[in-house]
């Protein structure tokens, strides 16, 4: 590890001032910070603490951790608070271990959580279960920094013994508990927070976030590939700079190539928010809250810092982790290493008959309404379209068939209808389907749906798109969630299949990301699991 000095305009987040300084690094540690005698030099780059994504599912990038790191360091990200919930739902403890060990192969600071809800509900089929005893085993590991998002908020409110055992284990071991309580307000929100739940990244209105902040919770502002809450929440940051953080939650590979936490910083700066409030959220608060060993530009800290051109666009010039330069001028210096494969996929090919729905005299149908930029959905009651005694898609009214196929064991295909995908032809399918990661697909006809689903099955996991002329699939052999190929190549492949999906007529900004959340039962109001249509308000199958 090279020893070096570097000069720049240092953003001292502790004294809240910027001054020209020279930083000395020895053996990966900052040994000296010496103010420069020359006057403030505008030509010098700014030296900032490295950015941290305060809540992310690495799996949603479709990249293994080592490849995620290669892309993220270019944008000044030095660490992530990573919930391996997705792979845990597929592969259990073995999946969590896979993420930890793969993350260790690169110079990047992955901080993993112990998944709290595997499976997320009893109304879906997952590939594994993590009970309270297994969660406690994970929490005892030094690599595990927290209990991941407690999505089972009814279990907290009603003091379900298994749920409370997990929460109490985290508290006993001195590790924070992440929350997940979209729309929870009033006395219920207070009781949830009083149980020791410390954060929430699911607020979609300023009023909800403000109420939770006033109850003592920390709020994480999310801006991912599908869910975007930045505009709704960012104006709270100046009032609560010590209680807010930034996250992406779920980010597809193409958008990770384009930007990460650096883009949230730029958006905040363009709103006129004080740079030190921005850095508090992007760098400082996650380190303090999760008790991380990430440096914050103090003597004795790990040399985790970045150089940026200015404090408006936050264009990253260089990234250092433990004193090692891992990126410069848009180029990642982390080497690509092909990862091994772990999976749990036993699904067999489907036929058109598996996807058909008998009308049985129905005049109206329950319809999921997908919403751009949100994980929540609406529930609608709309006229049915019937052909030859079967309920079918109607592209004219944009009411399309959605199906979920159990990937773990033989079972009937679950079928329903969805609005706002906007496809005029073909179908798209994905084995990334939160939280249990069965196969979810939307299409204009059963033939297209069947083709798209079988493409995914043939690859033992992936995302696919079909139309009358062609078909495309991006294989995700690692748990049916991630590729083990070069991250930039995966991003290119994703960009191509995303463009093909949009050529079917969908107007969604991220159709595959939106699709992946249509089976996420813990987000209201109407979703589809492999067991059937689910009402998130009554928490029951319809």
Protein backbone atom coordinates (compact mmCIF):
# COMPACT_ATOMS: atom_id res chain seq x y z
CA UNK A 1 0.00 0.00 0.00
CA UNK A 2 1.57 3.28 -1.14
CA UNK A 3 2.11 6.22 1.20
CA UNK A 4 1.30 9.61 -0.30
CA UNK A 5 0.19 13.19 0.24
CA UNK A 6 -2.58 14.97 -1.61
CA UNK A 7 -3.69 18.59 -1.71
CA UNK A 8 -7.12 20.08 -2.13
CA UNK A 9 -9.87 22.21 -0.66
CA UNK A 10 -10.82 20.07 2.29
CA UNK A 11 -14.46 20.01 3.38
CA UNK A 12 -14.16 19.63 7.14
CA UNK A 13 -17.57 18.23 8.14
CA UNK A 14 -16.78 18.57 11.83
CA UNK A 15 -15.86 22.27 11.84
CA UNK A 16 -18.17 22.99 8.90
CA UNK A 17 -15.55 24.90 6.97
CA UNK A 18 -13.59 24.50 3.75
CA UNK A 19 -9.88 25.27 3.61
CA UNK A 20 -6.86 24.37 1.49
CA UNK A 21 -4.97 21.49 3.04
CA UNK A 22 -2.52 18.69 2.46
CA UNK A 23 -3.47 15.21 3.64
CA UNK A 24 -0.77 12.65 4.47
CA UNK A 25 -1.64 8.97 4.18
CA UNK A 26 0.46 6.15 5.63
CA UNK A 27 -0.55 2.48 5.53
CA UNK A 28 -4.09 3.39 4.54
CA UNK A 29 -4.58 5.80 7.48
CA UNK A 30 -4.70 9.61 7.49
CA UNK A 31 -1.68 10.60 9.60
CA UNK A 32 -1.73 14.35 9.14
CA UNK A 33 -3.94 17.15 7.84
CA UNK A 34 -1.90 20.29 7.29
CA UNK A 35 -3.53 23.58 6.27
CA UNK A 36 -1.72 25.17 3.34
CA UNK A 37 -0.15 28.54 3.93
CA UNK A 38 -1.18 29.81 0.54
CA UNK A 39 -4.53 31.53 0.18
CA UNK A 40 -7.67 29.58 -0.70
CA UNK A 41 -6.95 28.07 -4.11
CA UNK A 42 -10.00 27.77 -6.32
CA UNK A 43 -8.07 25.64 -8.79
CA UNK A 44 -7.64 22.78 -6.31
CA UNK A 45 -10.25 20.00 -6.29
CA UNK A 46 -12.45 19.52 -3.22
CA UNK A 47 -11.64 16.67 -0.84
CA UNK A 48 -14.75 15.09 0.70
CA UNK A 49 -15.50 11.99 2.75
CA UNK A 50 -16.60 9.11 0.51
CA UNK A 51 -20.29 8.59 -0.15
CA UNK A 52 -22.29 5.77 1.47
CA UNK A 53 -25.51 4.26 0.15
CA UNK A 54 -27.45 3.91 3.41
CA UNK A 55 -29.83 1.20 2.21
CA UNK A 56 -29.37 -0.94 -0.88
CA UNK A 57 -30.10 -4.43 -2.10
CA UNK A 58 -26.97 -5.17 -4.13
CA UNK A 59 -28.87 -7.97 -5.87
CA UNK A 60 -31.17 -5.45 -7.58
CA UNK A 61 -28.21 -4.16 -9.59
CA UNK A 62 -28.12 -7.66 -11.16
CA UNK A 63 -24.43 -7.64 -10.22
CA UNK A 64 -22.54 -9.61 -7.59
CA UNK A 65 -21.02 -7.34 -4.88
CA UNK A 66 -17.54 -7.24 -6.45
CA UNK A 67 -18.98 -5.97 -9.75
CA UNK A 68 -21.31 -3.52 -8.00
CA UNK A 69 -18.22 -2.06 -6.31
CA UNK A 70 -16.41 -1.66 -9.65
CA UNK A 71 -19.20 0.55 -10.92
CA UNK A 72 -19.98 2.41 -7.70
CA UNK A 73 -16.47 3.69 -6.90
CA UNK A 74 -16.45 5.72 -10.10
CA UNK A 75 -19.18 7.85 -8.49
CA UNK A 76 -17.37 8.30 -5.18
CA UNK A 77 -19.22 5.57 -3.28
CA UNK A 78 -16.88 3.91 -0.78
CA UNK A 79 -19.39 1.78 1.14
CA UNK A 80 -22.93 0.47 1.28
CA UNK A 81 -25.40 -0.56 3.97
CA UNK A 82 -26.43 -3.70 2.13
CA UNK A 83 -29.48 -5.81 2.91
CA UNK A 84 -28.92 -9.31 1.40
CA UNK A 85 -32.63 -9.97 1.83
CA UNK A 86 -33.13 -10.91 -1.82
CA UNK A 87 -30.60 -13.72 -2.02
CA UNK A 88 -31.59 -14.86 1.48
CA UNK A 89 -35.15 -15.44 0.25
CA UNK A 90 -33.73 -17.68 -2.47
CA UNK A 91 -30.76 -19.41 -0.79
CA UNK A 92 -31.03 -18.68 2.94
CA UNK A 93 -27.91 -18.47 5.12
CA UNK A 94 -25.76 -19.75 2.26
CA UNK A 95 -26.86 -16.77 0.18
CA UNK A 96 -25.88 -14.25 2.86
CA UNK A 97 -22.47 -15.91 3.22
CA UNK A 98 -22.04 -15.74 -0.56
CA UNK A 99 -22.54 -11.96 -0.52
CA UNK A 100 -20.16 -11.42 2.39
CA UNK A 101 -17.39 -13.53 0.89
CA UNK A 102 -17.72 -12.08 -2.60
CA UNK A 103 -17.65 -8.57 -1.16
CA UNK A 104 -14.32 -9.31 0.52
CA UNK A 105 -12.63 -9.89 -2.85
CA UNK A 106 -12.51 -6.16 -3.66
CA UNK A 107 -11.35 -2.94 -1.93
CA UNK A 108 -14.80 -1.65 -1.00
CA UNK A 109 -16.65 -1.34 2.31
CA UNK A 110 -19.72 -3.57 2.22
CA UNK A 111 -21.67 -3.55 5.48
CA UNK A 112 -24.31 -6.26 5.46
CA UNK A 113 -27.45 -6.71 7.54
CA UNK A 114 -29.14 -9.81 8.89
CA UNK A 115 -32.37 -10.22 6.88
CA UNK A 116 -35.30 -9.95 9.27
CA UNK A 117 -38.15 -11.22 7.08
CA UNK A 118 -37.33 -14.42 5.20
CA UNK A 119 -39.87 -15.18 3.92
CA UNK A 120 -41.44 -11.74 3.92
CA UNK A 121 -44.96 -13.12 4.44
CA UNK A 122 -46.77 -16.44 4.71
CA UNK A 123 -48.73 -15.58 1.56
CA UNK A 124 -45.96 -16.44 -0.91
CA UNK A 125 -43.47 -19.24 -1.58
CA UNK A 126 -39.82 -18.43 -0.92
CA UNK A 127 -36.77 -20.62 -1.32
CA UNK A 128 -35.65 -20.42 2.30
CA UNK A 129 -36.51 -19.45 5.85
CA UNK A 130 -34.40 -17.57 8.40
CA UNK A 131 -35.79 -18.01 11.89
CA UNK A 132 -34.89 -15.97 14.97
CA UNK A 133 -32.09 -18.36 15.96
CA UNK A 134 -30.43 -18.10 12.54
CA UNK A 135 -30.84 -14.32 12.51
CA UNK A 136 -29.06 -14.14 15.86
CA UNK A 137 -26.20 -16.23 14.49
CA UNK A 138 -25.85 -13.74 11.65
CA UNK A 139 -26.02 -10.76 14.00
CA UNK A 140 -23.07 -12.13 15.94
CA UNK A 141 -20.85 -11.88 12.85
CA UNK A 142 -18.58 -8.81 12.67
CA UNK A 143 -19.54 -8.29 9.00
CA UNK A 144 -23.20 -7.95 9.99
CA UNK A 145 -23.81 -4.42 11.24
CA UNK A 146 -27.59 -4.29 11.74
CA UNK A 147 -30.94 -6.07 11.53
CA UNK A 148 -32.26 -5.45 8.03
CA UNK A 149 -35.54 -3.72 7.32
CA UNK A 150 -38.32 -5.02 9.53
CA UNK A 151 -41.05 -5.24 6.90
CA UNK A 152 -43.38 -7.17 9.15
CA UNK A 153 -44.61 -4.06 10.93
CA UNK A 154 -47.86 -5.80 11.97
CA UNK A 155 -45.63 -8.35 13.72
CA UNK A 156 -43.94 -5.52 15.62
CA UNK A 157 -47.19 -3.79 16.51
CA UNK A 158 -48.81 -7.02 17.74
CA UNK A 159 -45.57 -8.23 19.35
CA UNK A 160 -45.27 -11.47 17.43
CA UNK A 161 -42.81 -13.57 19.50
CA UNK A 162 -40.59 -14.55 16.55
CA UNK A 163 -40.40 -10.95 15.31
CA UNK A 164 -39.64 -9.54 18.74
CA UNK A 165 -36.96 -12.18 19.31
CA UNK A 166 -35.11 -10.88 16.24
CA UNK A 167 -35.44 -7.25 17.31
CA UNK A 168 -34.34 -8.00 20.86
CA UNK A 169 -31.31 -9.96 19.62
CA UNK A 170 -30.15 -6.93 17.61
CA UNK A 171 -30.62 -4.61 20.59
CA UNK A 172 -28.80 -7.00 22.90
CA UNK A 173 -25.86 -7.11 20.49
CA UNK A 174 -25.81 -3.32 20.13
CA UNK A 175 -26.83 -3.30 16.48
CA UNK A 176 -29.52 -0.98 15.04
CA UNK A 177 -32.77 -2.20 13.49
CA UNK A 178 -33.81 -0.85 10.10
CA UNK A 179 -37.47 -0.15 9.46
CA UNK A 180 -39.90 -0.53 6.59
CA UNK A 181 -43.32 0.96 7.24
CA UNK A 182 -44.79 2.69 4.18
CA UNK A 183 -47.74 4.88 5.10
CA UNK A 184 -47.67 3.97 8.80
CA UNK A 185 -48.86 7.04 10.74
CA UNK A 186 -50.01 8.24 14.12
CA UNK A 187 -50.05 5.98 17.15
CA UNK A 188 -49.10 2.93 15.10
CA UNK A 189 -45.99 4.67 13.76
CA UNK A 190 -45.05 5.76 17.28
CA UNK A 191 -45.46 2.23 18.65
CA UNK A 192 -43.39 0.80 15.80
CA UNK A 193 -40.58 3.29 16.48
CA UNK A 194 -40.82 2.81 20.25
CA UNK A 195 -40.12 -0.89 19.70
CA UNK A 196 -36.60 0.16 18.75
CA UNK A 197 -36.92 0.52 14.97
CA UNK A 198 -34.45 3.23 14.05
CA UNK A 199 -34.85 4.10 10.34
CA UNK A 200 -37.35 4.13 7.49
CA UNK A 201 -36.65 4.47 3.76
CA UNK A 202 -40.27 4.00 2.65
CA UNK A 203 -41.79 7.44 3.33
CA UNK A 204 -43.46 8.80 0.22
CA UNK A 205 -44.81 12.09 1.62
CA UNK A 206 -43.12 14.85 3.60
CA UNK A 207 -45.90 14.70 6.21
CA UNK A 208 -45.25 11.03 6.90
CA UNK A 209 -41.48 11.56 7.11
CA UNK A 210 -41.86 14.60 9.37
CA UNK A 211 -44.10 12.70 11.77
CA UNK A 212 -41.60 9.84 12.01
CA UNK A 213 -38.71 12.27 12.48
CA UNK A 214 -40.58 13.91 15.34
CA UNK A 215 -41.06 10.50 16.94
CA UNK A 216 -37.25 10.07 16.89
CA UNK A 217 -36.78 7.94 13.77
CA UNK A 218 -34.09 8.59 11.16
CA UNK A 219 -35.36 8.97 7.59
CA UNK A 220 -33.47 7.71 4.55
CA UNK A 221 -34.23 9.58 1.34
CA UNK A 222 -34.56 7.07 -1.49
CA UNK A 223 -33.89 7.66 -5.15
CA UNK A 224 -33.64 4.36 -7.00
CA UNK A 225 -34.46 3.03 -10.46
CA UNK A 226 -38.18 2.66 -9.66
CA UNK A 227 -38.97 4.27 -6.30
CA UNK A 228 -38.15 7.96 -6.15
CA UNK A 229 -38.93 9.95 -3.04
CA UNK A 230 -36.20 12.62 -3.22
CA UNK A 231 -38.46 15.47 -4.35
CA UNK A 232 -41.03 14.70 -1.67
CA UNK A 233 -38.53 14.57 1.22
CA UNK A 234 -35.41 16.62 0.46
CA UNK A 235 -36.74 19.91 1.87
CA UNK A 236 -36.75 18.30 5.34
CA UNK A 237 -32.96 17.91 5.30
CA UNK A 238 -32.06 21.45 6.47
CA UNK A 239 -34.37 21.00 9.48
CA UNK A 240 -33.04 17.54 10.39
CA UNK A 241 -29.49 17.31 9.01
CA UNK A 242 -28.38 14.85 11.71
CA UNK A 243 -31.35 12.50 11.17
CA UNK A 244 -31.42 11.93 7.43
CA UNK A 245 -29.44 9.80 4.96
CA UNK A 246 -29.44 9.00 1.24
CA UNK A 247 -30.04 5.63 -0.41
CA UNK A 248 -30.88 3.99 -3.70
CA UNK A 249 -32.61 0.86 -2.27
CA UNK A 250 -32.84 -0.81 -5.70
CA UNK A 251 -30.73 0.30 -8.65
CA UNK A 252 -30.44 -1.39 -12.02
CA UNK A 253 -27.00 -1.66 -13.66
CA UNK A 254 -27.56 0.98 -16.33
CA UNK A 255 -28.53 3.61 -13.79
CA UNK A 256 -25.57 2.63 -11.58
CA UNK A 257 -23.29 3.32 -14.54
CA UNK A 258 -24.95 6.75 -14.86
CA UNK A 259 -24.70 7.78 -11.21
CA UNK A 260 -25.18 6.93 -7.56
CA UNK A 261 -25.22 8.97 -4.33
CA UNK A 262 -23.25 11.69 -6.17
CA UNK A 263 -26.40 12.50 -8.16
CA UNK A 264 -28.47 12.96 -5.00
CA UNK A 265 -25.82 15.35 -3.69
CA UNK A 266 -25.94 17.34 -6.93
CA UNK A 267 -29.74 17.49 -6.87
CA UNK A 268 -29.67 18.71 -3.27
CA UNK A 269 -27.04 21.36 -4.07
CA UNK A 270 -29.15 22.56 -6.98
CA UNK A 271 -31.99 23.06 -4.49
CA UNK A 272 -29.73 25.43 -2.54
CA UNK A 273 -29.22 23.09 0.41
CA UNK A 274 -26.08 23.76 2.47
CA UNK A 275 -23.16 21.57 1.42
CA UNK A 276 -22.48 20.43 4.98
CA UNK A 277 -26.08 19.28 5.41
CA UNK A 278 -25.65 17.32 2.16
CA UNK A 279 -22.39 15.72 3.33
CA UNK A 280 -23.95 14.97 6.70
CA UNK A 281 -26.59 12.85 4.96
CA UNK A 282 -24.35 11.36 2.26
CA UNK A 283 -21.29 10.55 4.35
CA UNK A 284 -21.44 11.21 8.11
CA UNK A 285 -24.81 10.01 9.40
CA UNK A 286 -24.52 6.43 8.11
CA UNK A 287 -21.05 6.05 9.66
CA UNK A 288 -22.30 7.25 13.04
CA UNK A 289 -25.63 5.42 12.98
CA UNK A 290 -24.30 2.02 11.91
CA UNK A 291 -20.94 2.37 13.74
CA UNK A 292 -18.89 1.85 10.59
CA UNK A 293 -15.13 1.78 10.21
CA UNK A 294 -15.31 4.18 7.26
CA UNK A 295 -13.11 7.25 7.53
CA UNK A 296 -14.50 10.78 7.76
CA UNK A 297 -11.41 12.88 7.02
CA UNK A 298 -9.92 12.97 10.50
CA UNK A 299 -6.37 12.17 11.58
CA UNK A 300 -6.36 8.49 12.54
CA UNK A 301 -9.28 7.65 10.22
CA UNK A 302 -9.08 5.19 7.34
CA UNK A 303 -8.17 7.09 4.17
CA UNK A 304 -11.62 6.82 2.58
CA UNK A 305 -12.17 10.01 0.63
CA UNK A 306 -12.93 11.44 -2.77
CA UNK A 307 -11.87 14.39 -4.88
CA UNK A 308 -14.59 16.28 -6.74
CA UNK A 309 -14.39 19.08 -9.25
CA UNK A 310 -16.96 21.31 -7.54
CA UNK A 311 -19.69 21.34 -4.90
CA UNK A 312 -22.57 21.79 -7.35
CA UNK A 313 -22.33 18.83 -9.72
CA UNK A 314 -20.12 16.67 -7.46
CA UNK A 315 -18.33 15.19 -10.47
CA UNK A 316 -15.90 12.70 -8.95
CA UNK A 317 -12.26 12.94 -10.04
CA UNK A 318 -10.71 10.31 -7.75
CA UNK A 319 -11.85 7.79 -5.14
CA UNK A 320 -9.66 6.35 -2.36
CA UNK A 321 -10.54 3.48 -0.03
CA UNK A 322 -8.10 2.61 2.77
CA UNK A 323 -5.57 4.79 0.94
CA UNK A 324 -5.88 2.83 -2.31
CA UNK A 325 -6.93 4.69 -5.42
CA UNK A 326 -9.88 2.68 -6.74
CA UNK A 327 -11.17 5.06 -9.43
CA UNK A 328 -10.11 8.15 -11.36
CA UNK A 329 -11.71 10.24 -14.09
CA UNK A 330 -14.57 7.84 -14.73
CA UNK A 331 -12.42 4.70 -14.77
CA UNK A 332 -12.65 1.96 -12.15
CA UNK A 333 -9.37 0.43 -10.98
CA UNK A 334 -11.06 -2.53 -9.32
CA UNK A 335 -10.33 -5.66 -11.30
CA UNK A 336 -13.13 -7.85 -12.61
CA UNK A 337 -13.12 -11.36 -11.15
CA UNK A 338 -15.70 -13.87 -12.35
CA UNK A 339 -17.71 -15.07 -9.36
CA UNK A 340 -19.02 -18.55 -8.70
CA UNK A 341 -22.69 -19.49 -9.02
CA UNK A 342 -25.22 -20.27 -6.30
CA UNK A 343 -28.87 -20.90 -7.15
CA UNK A 344 -32.20 -22.46 -6.17
CA UNK A 345 -34.31 -22.97 -9.28
CA UNK A 346 -36.41 -26.06 -10.03
CA UNK A 347 -39.10 -24.66 -12.33
CA UNK A 348 -40.05 -26.55 -15.52
CA UNK A 349 -41.29 -25.00 -18.80
CA UNK A 350 -44.90 -23.79 -18.97
CA UNK A 351 -47.51 -24.07 -21.71
CA UNK A 352 -50.22 -21.65 -22.79
CA UNK A 353 -52.91 -23.63 -20.96
CA UNK A 354 -51.11 -22.95 -17.67
CA UNK A 355 -51.72 -19.23 -18.18
CA UNK A 356 -55.36 -19.19 -19.24
CA UNK A 357 -58.11 -17.81 -16.99
CA UNK A 358 -61.72 -19.00 -17.24
CA UNK A 359 -64.17 -16.08 -17.15
CA UNK A 360 -66.88 -18.02 -15.26
CA UNK A 361 -69.35 -15.23 -15.93
CA UNK A 362 -67.23 -12.44 -14.44
CA UNK A 363 -68.22 -8.98 -15.62
CA UNK A 364 -65.58 -7.06 -13.64
CA UNK A 365 -62.09 -7.90 -12.42
CA UNK A 366 -59.75 -6.64 -9.69
CA UNK A 367 -56.85 -4.79 -11.32
CA UNK A 368 -53.49 -3.74 -9.92
CA UNK A 369 -52.66 -0.14 -10.89
CA UNK A 370 -48.90 0.34 -11.16
CA UNK A 371 -47.67 3.87 -10.39
CA UNK A 372 -44.62 5.48 -11.98
CA UNK A 373 -41.86 6.12 -9.44
CA UNK A 374 -43.67 4.35 -6.60
CA UNK A 375 -43.71 0.88 -5.06
CA UNK A 376 -47.26 1.31 -3.82
CA UNK A 377 -50.07 0.33 -6.19
CA UNK A 378 -53.76 1.10 -6.34
CA UNK A 379 -56.56 -1.45 -6.53
CA UNK A 380 -59.16 -0.93 -9.23
CA UNK A 381 -62.35 -2.72 -10.26
CA UNK A 382 -62.66 -2.61 -14.05
CA UNK A 383 -64.71 -4.30 -16.80
CA UNK A 384 -63.44 -7.72 -17.85
CA UNK A 385 -62.46 -8.52 -21.43
CA UNK A 386 -63.69 -12.02 -22.39
CA UNK A 387 -62.84 -14.05 -25.47
CA UNK A 388 -64.00 -17.64 -25.98
CA UNK A 389 -64.91 -17.88 -22.31
CA UNK A 390 -61.47 -16.71 -21.16
CA UNK A 391 -60.38 -13.51 -19.39
CA UNK A 392 -57.77 -11.86 -21.62
CA UNK A 393 -55.57 -8.77 -21.83
CA UNK A 394 -56.93 -5.62 -23.44
CA UNK A 395 -54.11 -3.41 -24.77
CA UNK A 396 -56.66 -0.77 -25.87
CA UNK A 397 -57.70 -0.11 -22.26
CA UNK A 398 -54.19 -0.98 -20.98
CA UNK A 399 -55.45 -3.82 -18.78
CA UNK A 400 -52.89 -6.59 -19.24
CA UNK A 401 -52.50 -10.05 -17.77
CA UNK A 402 -49.87 -10.46 -15.03
CA UNK A 403 -48.77 -13.88 -13.82
CA UNK A 404 -46.50 -15.25 -11.11
CA UNK A 405 -44.88 -18.67 -11.57
CA UNK A 406 -43.54 -20.59 -8.56
CA UNK A 407 -39.85 -21.25 -9.27
CA UNK A 408 -39.24 -23.56 -6.29
CA UNK A 409 -41.86 -26.28 -6.61
CA UNK A 410 -44.66 -27.40 -8.95
CA UNK A 411 -47.80 -25.27 -8.46
CA UNK A 412 -50.60 -23.65 -10.47
CA UNK A 413 -49.66 -20.32 -12.06
CA UNK A 414 -51.15 -17.29 -10.25
CA UNK A 415 -52.95 -14.92 -12.64
CA UNK A 416 -54.42 -11.42 -12.40
CA UNK A 417 -54.57 -8.12 -14.33
CA UNK A 418 -52.56 -4.89 -14.17
CA UNK A 419 -52.89 -1.36 -15.56
CA UNK A 420 -50.27 1.26 -16.57
CA UNK A 421 -47.69 -1.00 -18.18
CA UNK A 422 -48.94 0.22 -21.53
CA UNK A 423 -47.57 -2.63 -23.68
CA UNK A 424 -49.15 -2.91 -27.12
CA UNK A 425 -47.42 -6.16 -28.06
CA UNK A 426 -45.31 -8.96 -26.58
CA UNK A 427 -44.41 -9.60 -22.96
CA UNK A 428 -41.68 -9.14 -20.37
CA UNK A 429 -40.71 -11.56 -17.59
CA UNK A 430 -38.31 -11.60 -14.65
CA UNK A 431 -37.07 -13.92 -11.91
CA UNK A 432 -36.23 -10.78 -9.94
CA UNK A 433 -39.59 -10.48 -8.17
CA UNK A 434 -39.46 -9.11 -4.65
CA UNK A 435 -39.46 -10.61 -2.14
CA UNK A 436 -39.60 -14.32 -2.88
CA UNK A 437 -38.27 -14.06 -6.43
CA UNK A 438 -40.65 -16.29 -8.25
CA UNK A 439 -41.10 -15.50 -11.95
CA UNK A 440 -43.33 -12.51 -12.69
CA UNK A 441 -44.48 -11.59 -16.21
CA UNK A 442 -46.78 -9.08 -17.93
CA UNK A 443 -48.00 -9.43 -21.52
CA UNK A 444 -50.65 -8.72 -24.10
CA UNK A 445 -51.39 -12.38 -24.90
CA UNK A 446 -50.78 -15.83 -23.45
CA UNK A 447 -48.44 -16.93 -26.24
CA UNK A 448 -46.09 -14.01 -25.61
CA UNK A 449 -46.28 -14.53 -21.85
CA UNK A 450 -45.43 -18.20 -22.25
CA UNK A 451 -42.42 -17.47 -24.47
CA UNK A 452 -41.05 -14.82 -22.09
CA UNK A 453 -41.47 -17.08 -19.04
CA UNK A 454 -39.81 -20.06 -20.71
CA UNK A 455 -36.81 -17.94 -21.74
CA UNK A 456 -36.24 -17.17 -18.05
CA UNK A 457 -36.72 -20.80 -17.05
CA UNK A 458 -34.22 -21.99 -19.68
CA UNK A 459 -31.55 -19.75 -18.12
CA UNK A 460 -32.39 -20.75 -14.54
CA UNK A 461 -33.16 -17.08 -13.94
CA UNK A 462 -33.04 -13.80 -15.81
CA UNK A 463 -35.10 -11.07 -17.45
CA UNK A 464 -36.66 -11.49 -20.87
CA UNK A 465 -38.64 -9.65 -23.50
CA UNK A 466 -40.47 -10.99 -26.56
CA UNK A 467 -42.41 -9.49 -29.44
CA UNK A 468 -43.64 -10.86 -32.76
CA UNK A 469 -40.24 -10.44 -34.42
CA UNK A 470 -37.66 -11.26 -31.78
CA UNK A 471 -36.80 -12.28 -28.25
CA UNK A 472 -34.08 -11.34 -25.78
CA UNK A 473 -32.94 -12.60 -22.39
CA UNK A 474 -30.31 -11.45 -19.89
CA UNK A 475 -29.23 -14.49 -17.88
CA UNK A 476 -29.00 -14.11 -14.08
CA UNK A 477 -27.55 -17.45 -12.96
CA UNK A 478 -26.56 -16.31 -9.45
CA UNK A 479 -29.73 -17.07 -7.46
CA UNK A 480 -31.79 -15.99 -10.46
CA UNK A 481 -30.97 -12.45 -9.35
CA UNK A 482 -27.46 -11.58 -10.48
CA UNK A 483 -25.08 -12.09 -13.37
CA UNK A 484 -21.50 -13.19 -12.74
CA UNK A 485 -20.29 -11.36 -15.85
CA UNK A 486 -18.49 -8.01 -16.16
CA UNK A 487 -20.67 -5.28 -14.67
CA UNK A 488 -20.32 -2.90 -17.60
CA UNK A 489 -21.27 -5.67 -20.05
CA UNK A 490 -24.33 -6.47 -17.93
CA UNK A 491 -25.28 -2.80 -17.94
CA UNK A 492 -25.05 -2.75 -21.77
CA UNK A 493 -27.18 -5.88 -22.04
CA UNK A 494 -29.72 -4.40 -19.65
CA UNK A 495 -29.84 -1.16 -21.65
CA UNK A 496 -30.60 -3.19 -24.78
CA UNK A 497 -33.38 -5.26 -23.22
CA UNK A 498 -34.83 -2.17 -21.53
CA UNK A 499 -35.02 -0.50 -24.95
CA UNK A 500 -36.71 -3.59 -26.39
CA UNK A 501 -39.23 -3.59 -23.53
CA UNK A 502 -40.01 0.06 -24.22
CA UNK A 503 -40.50 -0.74 -27.90
CA UNK A 504 -43.52 -2.84 -26.88
CA UNK A 505 -45.23 0.42 -25.97
CA UNK A 506 -44.65 0.70 -22.23
CA UNK A 507 -44.11 4.26 -21.02
CA UNK A 508 -42.67 3.20 -17.66
CA UNK A 509 -39.24 4.65 -17.00
CA UNK A 510 -37.94 1.34 -15.61
CA UNK A 511 -40.37 -1.41 -16.71
CA UNK A 512 -38.33 -4.33 -15.35
CA UNK A 513 -37.80 -2.63 -12.00
CA UNK A 514 -41.50 -1.80 -11.75
CA UNK A 515 -42.37 -5.38 -12.73
CA UNK A 516 -40.11 -6.75 -10.01
CA UNK A 517 -42.18 -5.00 -7.33
CA UNK A 518 -45.59 -6.19 -8.47
CA UNK A 519 -45.21 -9.31 -6.30
CA UNK A 520 -44.00 -7.31 -3.25
CA UNK A 521 -46.81 -8.00 -0.81
CA UNK A 522 -45.54 -5.82 2.04
CA UNK A 523 -46.14 -2.65 0.02
CA UNK A 524 -49.85 -1.69 -0.31
CA UNK A 525 -52.32 -1.89 -1.88
CA UNK A 526 -52.78 -4.75 -4.36
CA UNK A 527 -50.11 -7.24 -5.47
CA UNK A 528 -49.83 -10.75 -6.92
CA UNK A 529 -47.89 -13.60 -5.30
CA UNK A 530 -47.50 -17.16 -6.53
CA UNK A 531 -50.45 -18.00 -4.25
CA UNK A 532 -52.80 -15.38 -5.66
CA UNK A 533 -53.99 -11.77 -5.58
CA UNK A 534 -53.09 -10.10 -2.28
CA UNK A 535 -54.74 -7.16 -0.51
CA UNK A 536 -52.04 -5.23 1.35
CA UNK A 537 -54.59 -3.32 3.43
CA UNK A 538 -56.27 -6.36 4.95
CA UNK A 539 -53.03 -8.39 4.65
CA UNK A 540 -54.89 -11.30 3.10
CA UNK A 541 -55.31 -13.18 -0.16
CA UNK A 542 -58.41 -12.20 -2.11
